[in-house]
PDB file of N, CA and C in Angstrom:
ATOM      1  N   MET A   1       0.759  -1.574   0.436  1.00  0.00           N
ATOM      2  CA  MET A   1       0.198   0.289  -0.163  1.00  0.00           C
ATOM      3  C   MET A   1       0.878   1.314  -0.346  1.00  0.00           C
ATOM      4  N   ASN A   2       0.633   1.970  -0.650  1.00  0.00           N
ATOM      5  CA  ASN A   2       1.357   3.786  -0.844  1.00  0.00           C
ATOM      6  C   ASN A   2       1.186   4.130  -0.129  1.00  0.00           C
ATOM      7  N   PRO A   3       2.194   4.734   0.807  1.00  0.00           N
ATOM      8  CA  PRO A   3       2.122   5.697   2.155  1.00  0.00           C
ATOM      9  C   PRO A   3       1.559   7.172   1.572  1.00  0.00           C
ATOM     10  N   ASN A   4       0.743   8.009   2.029  1.00  0.00           N
ATOM     11  CA  ASN A   4       0.101   9.354   1.558  1.00  0.00           C
ATOM     12  C   ASN A   4       1.645   9.881   0.864  1.00  0.00           C
ATOM     13  N   ARG A   5       0.987  10.311  -0.674  1.00  0.00           N
ATOM     14  CA  ARG A   5       2.071  11.207  -1.008  1.00  0.00           C
ATOM     15  C   ARG A   5       2.931  12.680  -0.479  1.00  0.00           C
ATOM     16  N   HIS A   6       3.486  12.795   0.100  1.00  0.00           N
ATOM     17  CA  HIS A   6       4.412  14.163   0.480  1.00  0.00           C
ATOM     18  C   HIS A   6       4.509  15.199  -0.402  1.00  0.00           C
ATOM     19  N   ILE A   7       3.674  16.499   0.082  1.00  0.00           N
ATOM     20  CA  ILE A   7       3.733  17.563  -1.113  1.00  0.00           C
ATOM     21  C   ILE A   7       5.178  17.592  -1.652  1.00  0.00           C
ATOM     22  N   ASN A   8       6.448  17.005  -1.408  1.00  0.00           N
ATOM     23  CA  ASN A   8       7.890  17.366  -2.161  1.00  0.00           C
ATOM     24  C   ASN A   8       7.547  16.470  -3.408  1.00  0.00           C
ATOM     25  N   ILE A   9       7.231  15.139  -3.853  1.00  0.00           N
ATOM     26  CA  ILE A   9       7.154  14.184  -4.292  1.00  0.00           C
ATOM     27  C   ILE A   9       6.072  13.985  -5.424  1.00  0.00           C
ATOM     28  N   PRO A  10       7.194  14.541  -6.486  1.00  0.00           N
ATOM     29  CA  PRO A  10       6.446  14.575  -7.867  1.00  0.00           C
ATOM     30  C   PRO A  10       4.848  13.749  -8.254  1.00  0.00           C
ATOM     31  N   GLU A  11       3.803  14.142  -8.404  1.00  0.00           N
ATOM     32  CA  GLU A  11       2.821  13.469  -9.046  1.00  0.00           C
ATOM     33  C   GLU A  11       3.073  12.178  -9.692  1.00  0.00           C
ATOM     34  N   SER A  12       3.960  12.008 -10.466  1.00  0.00           N
ATOM     35  CA  SER A  12       4.219  11.337 -10.942  1.00  0.00           C
ATOM     36  C   SER A  12       5.022  10.011 -10.551  1.00  0.00           C
ATOM     37  N   ALA A  13       5.949   9.919  -9.547  1.00  0.00           N
ATOM     38  CA  ALA A  13       6.316   9.348  -9.216  1.00  0.00           C
ATOM     39  C   ALA A  13       5.741   8.089  -8.506  1.00  0.00           C
ATOM     40  N   GLN A  14       6.388   7.122  -8.651  1.00  0.00           N
ATOM     41  CA  GLN A  14       6.080   5.596  -8.146  1.00  0.00           C
ATOM     42  C   GLN A  14       6.515   5.231  -6.694  1.00  0.00           C
ATOM     43  N   TRP A  15       5.231   4.290  -6.421  1.00  0.00           N
ATOM     44  CA  TRP A  15       6.222   4.110  -4.859  1.00  0.00           C
ATOM     45  C   TRP A  15       6.433   2.693  -5.251  1.00  0.00           C
ATOM     46  N   LEU A  16       7.562   1.933  -4.148  1.00  0.00           N
ATOM     47  CA  LEU A  16       8.439   0.867  -4.788  1.00  0.00           C
ATOM     48  C   LEU A  16       8.255   0.680  -2.737  1.00  0.00           C
ATOM     49  N   SER A  17       7.356  -0.930  -2.816  1.00  0.00           N
ATOM     50  CA  SER A  17       7.334  -0.684  -1.315  1.00  0.00           C
ATOM     51  C   SER A  17       8.946  -1.787  -1.321  1.00  0.00           C
ATOM     52  N   GLY A  18       8.923  -1.559  -0.232  1.00  0.00           N
ATOM     53  CA  GLY A  18      10.398  -2.356   0.338  1.00  0.00           C
ATOM     54  C   GLY A  18       9.829  -3.811   1.463  1.00  0.00           C
ATOM     55  N   SER A  19      10.793  -4.099   2.316  1.00  0.00           N
ATOM     56  CA  SER A  19      10.538  -4.838   3.576  1.00  0.00           C
ATOM     57  C   SER A  19       9.283  -4.085   4.127  1.00  0.00           C
ATOM     58  N   VAL A  20       8.571  -4.918   5.015  1.00  0.00           N
ATOM     59  CA  VAL A  20       7.447  -4.283   5.622  1.00  0.00           C
ATOM     60  C   VAL A  20       7.926  -3.335   6.529  1.00  0.00           C
ATOM     61  N   GLY A  21       6.983  -2.157   5.895  1.00  0.00           N
ATOM     62  CA  GLY A  21       7.290  -0.724   6.652  1.00  0.00           C
ATOM     63  C   GLY A  21       8.350   0.130   5.707  1.00  0.00           C
ATOM     64  N   SER A  22       8.913  -0.482   4.988  1.00  0.00           N
ATOM     65  CA  SER A  22       9.903   0.259   3.951  1.00  0.00           C
ATOM     66  C   SER A  22       9.351   0.674   2.665  1.00  0.00           C
ATOM     67  N   GLY A  23       9.955   1.395   1.935  1.00  0.00           N
ATOM     68  CA  GLY A  23      10.015   1.860   0.555  1.00  0.00           C
ATOM     69  C   GLY A  23      10.471   3.175   0.282  1.00  0.00           C
ATOM     70  N   SER A  24      10.456   3.352  -1.202  1.00  0.00           N
ATOM     71  CA  SER A  24      11.042   4.522  -1.198  1.00  0.00           C
ATOM     72  C   SER A  24       9.838   4.800  -2.476  1.00  0.00           C
ATOM     73  N   TRP A  25       9.898   6.465  -3.071  1.00  0.00           N
ATOM     74  CA  TRP A  25       9.117   6.527  -4.105  1.00  0.00           C
ATOM     75  C   TRP A  25      10.662   7.009  -5.336  1.00  0.00           C
ATOM     76  N   PHE A  26      10.039   6.886  -6.428  1.00  0.00           N
ATOM     77  CA  PHE A  26      10.921   7.112  -7.715  1.00  0.00           C
ATOM     78  C   PHE A  26      10.409   8.016  -8.773  1.00  0.00           C
ATOM     79  N   PHE A  27      11.003   8.657  -8.731  1.00  0.00           N
ATOM     80  CA  PHE A  27      10.432   9.983 -10.061  1.00  0.00           C
ATOM     81  C   PHE A  27      11.953   9.989 -11.180  1.00  0.00           C
ATOM     82  N   LEU A  28      11.109   9.348 -12.218  1.00  0.00           N
ATOM     83  CA  LEU A  28      12.262   9.492 -14.074  1.00  0.00           C
ATOM     84  C   LEU A  28      11.889  10.427 -14.666  1.00  0.00           C
ATOM     85  N   SER A  29      12.544  11.456 -15.384  1.00  0.00           N
ATOM     86  CA  SER A  29      12.512  12.582 -16.383  1.00  0.00           C
ATOM     87  C   SER A  29      13.985  12.346 -16.952  1.00  0.00           C
ATOM     88  N   THR A  30      13.476  13.033 -18.396  1.00  0.00           N
ATOM     89  CA  THR A  30      14.485  12.790 -19.423  1.00  0.00           C
ATOM     90  C   THR A  30      15.869  14.165 -18.875  1.00  0.00           C
ATOM     91  N   LYS A  31      17.288  13.437 -19.467  1.00  0.00           N
ATOM     92  CA  LYS A  31      18.094  15.132 -18.905  1.00  0.00           C
ATOM     93  C   LYS A  31      19.097  14.636 -20.007  1.00  0.00           C
ATOM     94  N   GLY A  32      19.355  15.898 -21.144  1.00  0.00           N
ATOM     95  CA  GLY A  32      20.550  15.424 -21.797  1.00  0.00           C
ATOM     96  C   GLY A  32      19.695  14.284 -22.784  1.00  0.00           C
ATOM     97  N   ASN A  33      21.213  13.410 -22.985  1.00  0.00           N
ATOM     98  CA  ASN A  33      20.973  12.582 -23.423  1.00  0.00           C
ATOM     99  C   ASN A  33      20.429  10.783 -22.639  1.00  0.00           C
ATOM    100  N   GLY A  34      20.198  11.085 -21.502  1.00  0.00           N
ATOM    101  CA  GLY A  34      19.953  10.173 -20.550  1.00  0.00           C
ATOM    102  C   GLY A  34      18.845  10.549 -19.879  1.00  0.00           C
ATOM    103  N   TYR A  35      18.989  10.096 -18.189  1.00  0.00           N
ATOM    104  CA  TYR A  35      17.482  10.007 -17.313  1.00  0.00           C
ATOM    105  C   TYR A  35      17.967  10.585 -16.114  1.00  0.00           C
ATOM    106  N   GLN A  36      16.985  11.209 -15.891  1.00  0.00           N
ATOM    107  CA  GLN A  36      17.558  11.551 -14.302  1.00  0.00           C
ATOM    108  C   GLN A  36      16.287  10.496 -13.273  1.00  0.00           C
ATOM    109  N   ILE A  37      16.827  10.466 -12.403  1.00  0.00           N
ATOM    110  CA  ILE A  37      16.145   9.137 -11.335  1.00  0.00           C
ATOM    111  C   ILE A  37      16.248  10.091 -10.427  1.00  0.00           C
ATOM    112  N   LYS A  38      15.084  10.563  -9.354  1.00  0.00           N
ATOM    113  CA  LYS A  38      15.176  11.219  -7.927  1.00  0.00           C
ATOM    114  C   LYS A  38      14.562  10.063  -7.157  1.00  0.00           C
ATOM    115  N   ARG A  39      15.077   9.970  -6.144  1.00  0.00           N
ATOM    116  CA  ARG A  39      14.383   9.036  -5.144  1.00  0.00           C
ATOM    117  C   ARG A  39      14.329   9.823  -3.916  1.00  0.00           C
ATOM    118  N   PHE A  40      12.896   9.146  -3.349  1.00  0.00           N
ATOM    119  CA  PHE A  40      12.394  10.257  -1.992  1.00  0.00           C
ATOM    120  C   PHE A  40      12.035   9.267  -0.926  1.00  0.00           C
ATOM    121  N   SER A  41      12.178   9.318   0.623  1.00  0.00           N
ATOM    122  CA  SER A  41      11.878   8.842   1.521  1.00  0.00           C
ATOM    123  C   SER A  41      10.289   8.649   1.463  1.00  0.00           C
ATOM    124  N   PRO A  42       9.624   7.886   2.310  1.00  0.00           N
ATOM    125  CA  PRO A  42       8.013   7.790   2.457  1.00  0.00           C
ATOM    126  C   PRO A  42       7.829   9.716   2.828  1.00  0.00           C
ATOM    127  N   GLU A  43       9.016  10.005   3.859  1.00  0.00           N
ATOM    128  CA  GLU A  43       8.208  11.536   4.373  1.00  0.00           C
ATOM    129  C   GLU A  43       8.643  12.843   3.027  1.00  0.00           C
ATOM    130  N   GLY A  44       9.270  12.371   2.276  1.00  0.00           N
ATOM    131  CA  GLY A  44       9.170  13.103   1.053  1.00  0.00           C
ATOM    132  C   GLY A  44      10.766  14.162   1.050  1.00  0.00           C
ATOM    133  N   ILE A  45      11.576  13.178   1.720  1.00  0.00           N
ATOM    134  CA  ILE A  45      12.950  13.646   1.797  1.00  0.00           C
ATOM    135  C   ILE A  45      13.731  12.701   0.385  1.00  0.00           C
ATOM    136  N   LEU A  46      14.563  13.882  -0.377  1.00  0.00           N
ATOM    137  CA  LEU A  46      15.296  14.002  -1.935  1.00  0.00           C
ATOM    138  C   LEU A  46      16.328  12.763  -1.118  1.00  0.00           C
ATOM    139  N   GLU A  47      16.504  11.486  -1.257  1.00  0.00           N
ATOM    140  CA  GLU A  47      17.808  11.029  -0.708  1.00  0.00           C
ATOM    141  C   GLU A  47      18.890  10.263  -1.866  1.00  0.00           C
ATOM    142  N   CYS A  48      18.599  10.650  -2.969  1.00  0.00           N
ATOM    143  CA  CYS A  48      19.123  10.393  -4.113  1.00  0.00           C
ATOM    144  C   CYS A  48      19.152  11.618  -5.665  1.00  0.00           C
ATOM    145  N   ASP A  49      19.320  11.846  -6.600  1.00  0.00           N
ATOM    146  CA  ASP A  49      18.873  12.795  -7.414  1.00  0.00           C
ATOM    147  C   ASP A  49      20.580  12.793  -8.277  1.00  0.00           C
ATOM    148  N   ARG A  50      20.302  11.555  -8.947  1.00  0.00           N
ATOM    149  CA  ARG A  50      21.324  10.814 -10.126  1.00  0.00           C
ATOM    150  C   ARG A  50      20.817  10.840 -11.647  1.00  0.00           C
ATOM    151  N   PHE A  51      21.742  11.159 -12.413  1.00  0.00           N
ATOM    152  CA  PHE A  51      21.768  11.224 -14.151  1.00  0.00           C
ATOM    153  C   PHE A  51      22.334   9.631 -14.650  1.00  0.00           C
ATOM    154  N   PHE A  52      21.396   9.406 -15.184  1.00  0.00           N
ATOM    155  CA  PHE A  52      21.621   7.691 -15.465  1.00  0.00           C
ATOM    156  C   PHE A  52      21.223   7.596 -16.956  1.00  0.00           C
ATOM    157  N   THR A  53      21.971   6.523 -17.276  1.00  0.00           N
ATOM    158  CA  THR A  53      21.763   5.617 -18.933  1.00  0.00           C
ATOM    159  C   THR A  53      21.348   4.438 -18.916  1.00  0.00           C
ATOM    160  N   VAL A  54      20.647   4.052 -19.857  1.00  0.00           N
ATOM    161  CA  VAL A  54      19.430   2.775 -19.951  1.00  0.00           C
ATOM    162  C   VAL A  54      20.371   1.833 -20.825  1.00  0.00           C
ATOM    163  N   ASP A  55      20.412   0.509 -20.580  1.00  0.00           N
ATOM    164  CA  ASP A  55      21.180  -0.435 -21.555  1.00  0.00           C
ATOM    165  C   ASP A  55      20.438  -0.982 -22.932  1.00  0.00           C
ATOM    166  N   ASN A  56      19.150   0.033 -23.037  1.00  0.00           N
ATOM    167  CA  ASN A  56      18.773  -0.712 -24.127  1.00  0.00           C
ATOM    168  C   ASN A  56      18.256   0.700 -24.735  1.00  0.00           C
ATOM    169  N   LYS A  57      18.471   1.133 -25.806  1.00  0.00           N
ATOM    170  CA  LYS A  57      17.424   2.343 -26.095  1.00  0.00           C
ATOM    171  C   LYS A  57      16.294   1.996 -26.759  1.00  0.00           C
ATOM    172  N   ALA A  58      15.611   0.731 -26.458  1.00  0.00           N
ATOM    173  CA  ALA A  58      14.486   0.753 -27.180  1.00  0.00           C
ATOM    174  C   ALA A  58      13.339   1.455 -25.856  1.00  0.00           C
ATOM    175  N   PHE A  59      13.771   1.621 -24.642  1.00  0.00           N
ATOM    176  CA  PHE A  59      12.892   2.308 -23.373  1.00  0.00           C
ATOM    177  C   PHE A  59      12.325   3.235 -24.167  1.00  0.00           C
ATOM    178  N   ASP A  60      10.930   3.663 -23.479  1.00  0.00           N
ATOM    179  CA  ASP A  60      10.343   5.082 -24.218  1.00  0.00           C
ATOM    180  C   ASP A  60      10.128   5.960 -22.949  1.00  0.00           C
ATOM    181  N   ILE A  61      10.254   7.058 -22.476  1.00  0.00           N
ATOM    182  CA  ILE A  61       8.962   7.538 -21.315  1.00  0.00           C
ATOM    183  C   ILE A  61       8.309   7.691 -21.107  1.00  0.00           C
ATOM    184  N   ASN A  62       7.584   7.726 -22.912  1.00  0.00           N
ATOM    185  CA  ASN A  62       6.309   8.504 -22.863  1.00  0.00           C
ATOM    186  C   ASN A  62       5.276   7.489 -23.373  1.00  0.00           C
ATOM    187  N   ILE A  63       5.611   5.846 -22.954  1.00  0.00           N
ATOM    188  CA  ILE A  63       4.892   4.483 -22.382  1.00  0.00           C
ATOM    189  C   ILE A  63       4.850   4.312 -21.338  1.00  0.00           C
ATOM    190  N   ASP A  64       4.046   3.697 -20.455  1.00  0.00           N
ATOM    191  CA  ASP A  64       3.679   3.221 -19.129  1.00  0.00           C
ATOM    192  C   ASP A  64       4.838   2.387 -19.184  1.00  0.00           C
ATOM    193  N   PHE A  65       5.654   2.526 -17.614  1.00  0.00           N
ATOM    194  CA  PHE A  65       6.663   1.803 -16.983  1.00  0.00           C
ATOM    195  C   PHE A  65       6.723   1.514 -15.491  1.00  0.00           C
ATOM    196  N   GLN A  66       6.936   1.088 -14.872  1.00  0.00           N
ATOM    197  CA  GLN A  66       6.833   0.061 -13.624  1.00  0.00           C
ATOM    198  C   GLN A  66       8.433   0.009 -13.532  1.00  0.00           C
ATOM    199  N   PHE A  67       8.634   0.880 -12.185  1.00  0.00           N
ATOM    200  CA  PHE A  67       9.743   0.652 -11.508  1.00  0.00           C
ATOM    201  C   PHE A  67       9.712  -0.856 -10.419  1.00  0.00           C
ATOM    202  N   THR A  68      11.176  -1.167 -10.535  1.00  0.00           N
ATOM    203  CA  THR A  68      10.857  -2.889  -9.810  1.00  0.00           C
ATOM    204  C   THR A  68      12.509  -2.943  -9.073  1.00  0.00           C
ATOM    205  N   PHE A  69      12.415  -4.106  -8.652  1.00  0.00           N
ATOM    206  CA  PHE A  69      13.924  -4.612  -7.500  1.00  0.00           C
ATOM    207  C   PHE A  69      14.964  -4.910  -8.653  1.00  0.00           C
ATOM    208  N   LEU A  70      15.793  -4.700  -8.630  1.00  0.00           N
ATOM    209  CA  LEU A  70      16.620  -4.168  -7.879  1.00  0.00           C
ATOM    210  C   LEU A  70      16.741  -2.262  -8.142  1.00  0.00           C
ATOM    211  N   SER A  71      15.898  -1.708  -7.250  1.00  0.00           N
ATOM    212  CA  SER A  71      16.275  -0.563  -7.818  1.00  0.00           C
ATOM    213  C   SER A  71      16.815   0.550  -6.013  1.00  0.00           C
ATOM    214  N   HIS A  72      17.588   1.428  -7.107  1.00  0.00           N
ATOM    215  CA  HIS A  72      18.763   2.128  -5.966  1.00  0.00           C
ATOM    216  C   HIS A  72      19.388   3.190  -6.303  1.00  0.00           C
ATOM    217  N   CYS A  73      20.355   3.835  -5.369  1.00  0.00           N
ATOM    218  CA  CYS A  73      20.750   5.336  -5.716  1.00  0.00           C
ATOM    219  C   CYS A  73      22.052   4.800  -6.923  1.00  0.00           C
ATOM    220  N   LYS A  74      22.279   3.974  -7.196  1.00  0.00           N
ATOM    221  CA  LYS A  74      23.168   3.200  -8.423  1.00  0.00           C
ATOM    222  C   LYS A  74      23.126   2.571  -9.171  1.00  0.00           C
ATOM    223  N   GLU A  75      21.568   1.667  -9.250  1.00  0.00           N
ATOM    224  CA  GLU A  75      21.113   0.767 -10.405  1.00  0.00           C
ATOM    225  C   GLU A  75      19.662   1.486  -9.890  1.00  0.00           C
ATOM    226  N   CYS A  76      18.858   1.330 -11.253  1.00  0.00           N
ATOM    227  CA  CYS A  76      17.126   1.312 -10.829  1.00  0.00           C
ATOM    228  C   CYS A  76      16.797   0.410 -11.739  1.00  0.00           C
ATOM    229  N   THR A  77      15.995  -0.574 -11.926  1.00  0.00           N
ATOM    230  CA  THR A  77      15.216  -1.705 -13.069  1.00  0.00           C
ATOM    231  C   THR A  77      13.713  -0.912 -13.375  1.00  0.00           C
ATOM    232  N   ILE A  78      13.763  -1.160 -14.496  1.00  0.00           N
ATOM    233  CA  ILE A  78      12.527  -0.628 -14.870  1.00  0.00           C
ATOM    234  C   ILE A  78      11.473  -1.653 -15.932  1.00  0.00           C
ATOM    235  N   ILE A  79      10.534  -2.485 -15.068  1.00  0.00           N
ATOM    236  CA  ILE A  79       9.704  -3.105 -16.480  1.00  0.00           C
ATOM    237  C   ILE A  79       8.958  -2.227 -17.567  1.00  0.00           C
ATOM    238  N   GLN A  80       8.988  -2.369 -18.535  1.00  0.00           N
ATOM    239  CA  GLN A  80       8.140  -1.742 -19.716  1.00  0.00           C
ATOM    240  C   GLN A  80       7.497  -2.355 -21.026  1.00  0.00           C
ATOM    241  N   ASN A  81       6.084  -2.944 -21.024  1.00  0.00           N
ATOM    242  CA  ASN A  81       5.728  -3.628 -22.500  1.00  0.00           C
ATOM    243  C   ASN A  81       6.832  -5.517 -21.651  1.00  0.00           C
ATOM    244  N   GLU A  82       6.556  -5.684 -20.766  1.00  0.00           N
ATOM    245  CA  GLU A  82       7.067  -6.701 -20.126  1.00  0.00           C
ATOM    246  C   GLU A  82       8.734  -7.183 -20.960  1.00  0.00           C
ATOM    247  N   ILE A  83       9.419  -6.137 -20.993  1.00  0.00           N
ATOM    248  CA  ILE A  83      10.973  -5.895 -20.867  1.00  0.00           C
ATOM    249  C   ILE A  83      11.131  -5.246 -19.889  1.00  0.00           C
ATOM    250  N   THR A  84      12.855  -6.199 -19.430  1.00  0.00           N
ATOM    251  CA  THR A  84      13.180  -5.375 -18.262  1.00  0.00           C
ATOM    252  C   THR A  84      14.439  -4.222 -18.472  1.00  0.00           C
ATOM    253  N   TYR A  85      14.211  -2.902 -18.280  1.00  0.00           N
ATOM    254  CA  TYR A  85      16.070  -2.212 -18.286  1.00  0.00           C
ATOM    255  C   TYR A  85      16.359  -2.007 -17.120  1.00  0.00           C
ATOM    256  N   LYS A  86      17.670  -1.742 -17.033  1.00  0.00           N
ATOM    257  CA  LYS A  86      18.618  -1.262 -16.641  1.00  0.00           C
ATOM    258  C   LYS A  86      19.169  -0.066 -16.814  1.00  0.00           C
ATOM    259  N   PHE A  87      18.607   0.839 -15.720  1.00  0.00           N
ATOM    260  CA  PHE A  87      19.772   2.339 -15.338  1.00  0.00           C
ATOM    261  C   PHE A  87      20.857   1.978 -14.510  1.00  0.00           C
ATOM    262  N   TYR A  88      21.910   2.908 -15.042  1.00  0.00           N
ATOM    263  CA  TYR A  88      22.590   2.400 -14.440  1.00  0.00           C
ATOM    264  C   TYR A  88      23.536   4.278 -14.480  1.00  0.00           C
ATOM    265  N   THR A  89      23.613   4.716 -13.200  1.00  0.00           N
ATOM    266  CA  THR A  89      24.870   5.815 -13.272  1.00  0.00           C
ATOM    267  C   THR A  89      26.261   5.433 -12.887  1.00  0.00           C
ATOM    268  N   ASN A  90      27.358   6.277 -13.093  1.00  0.00           N
ATOM    269  CA  ASN A  90      28.227   6.415 -12.252  1.00  0.00           C
ATOM    270  C   ASN A  90      28.614   7.670 -11.655  1.00  0.00           C
ATOM    271  N   GLU A  91      27.469   8.464 -10.968  1.00  0.00           N
ATOM    272  CA  GLU A  91      27.447   9.229 -10.212  1.00  0.00           C
ATOM    273  C   GLU A  91      27.534   8.651  -8.744  1.00  0.00           C
ATOM    274  N   TYR A  92      28.847   9.757  -7.653  1.00  0.00           N
ATOM    275  CA  TYR A  92      28.608   8.762  -6.392  1.00  0.00           C
ATOM    276  C   TYR A  92      28.167   9.550  -5.465  1.00  0.00           C
TER     277      TYR A  92
END
């Protein structure tokens, strides 16, 4: 179950539930030739904001997608049309 969306969390951010009582909000946008992913705590605190590249150029940000595991501040996984896409960052 999604927690209440804090005002700091973008409307199109997706909730990814973790183990009992945990989880994060993930927000994806385009940035230059890649993507920007922001992760927020349930309380609306920005936990990371990094530039990512995707392993498969077929990903289309304009088509429905869902964040899934494993997703964190260094690597994110998204499923779109039953295809798994990996997003990686070199930022630390």
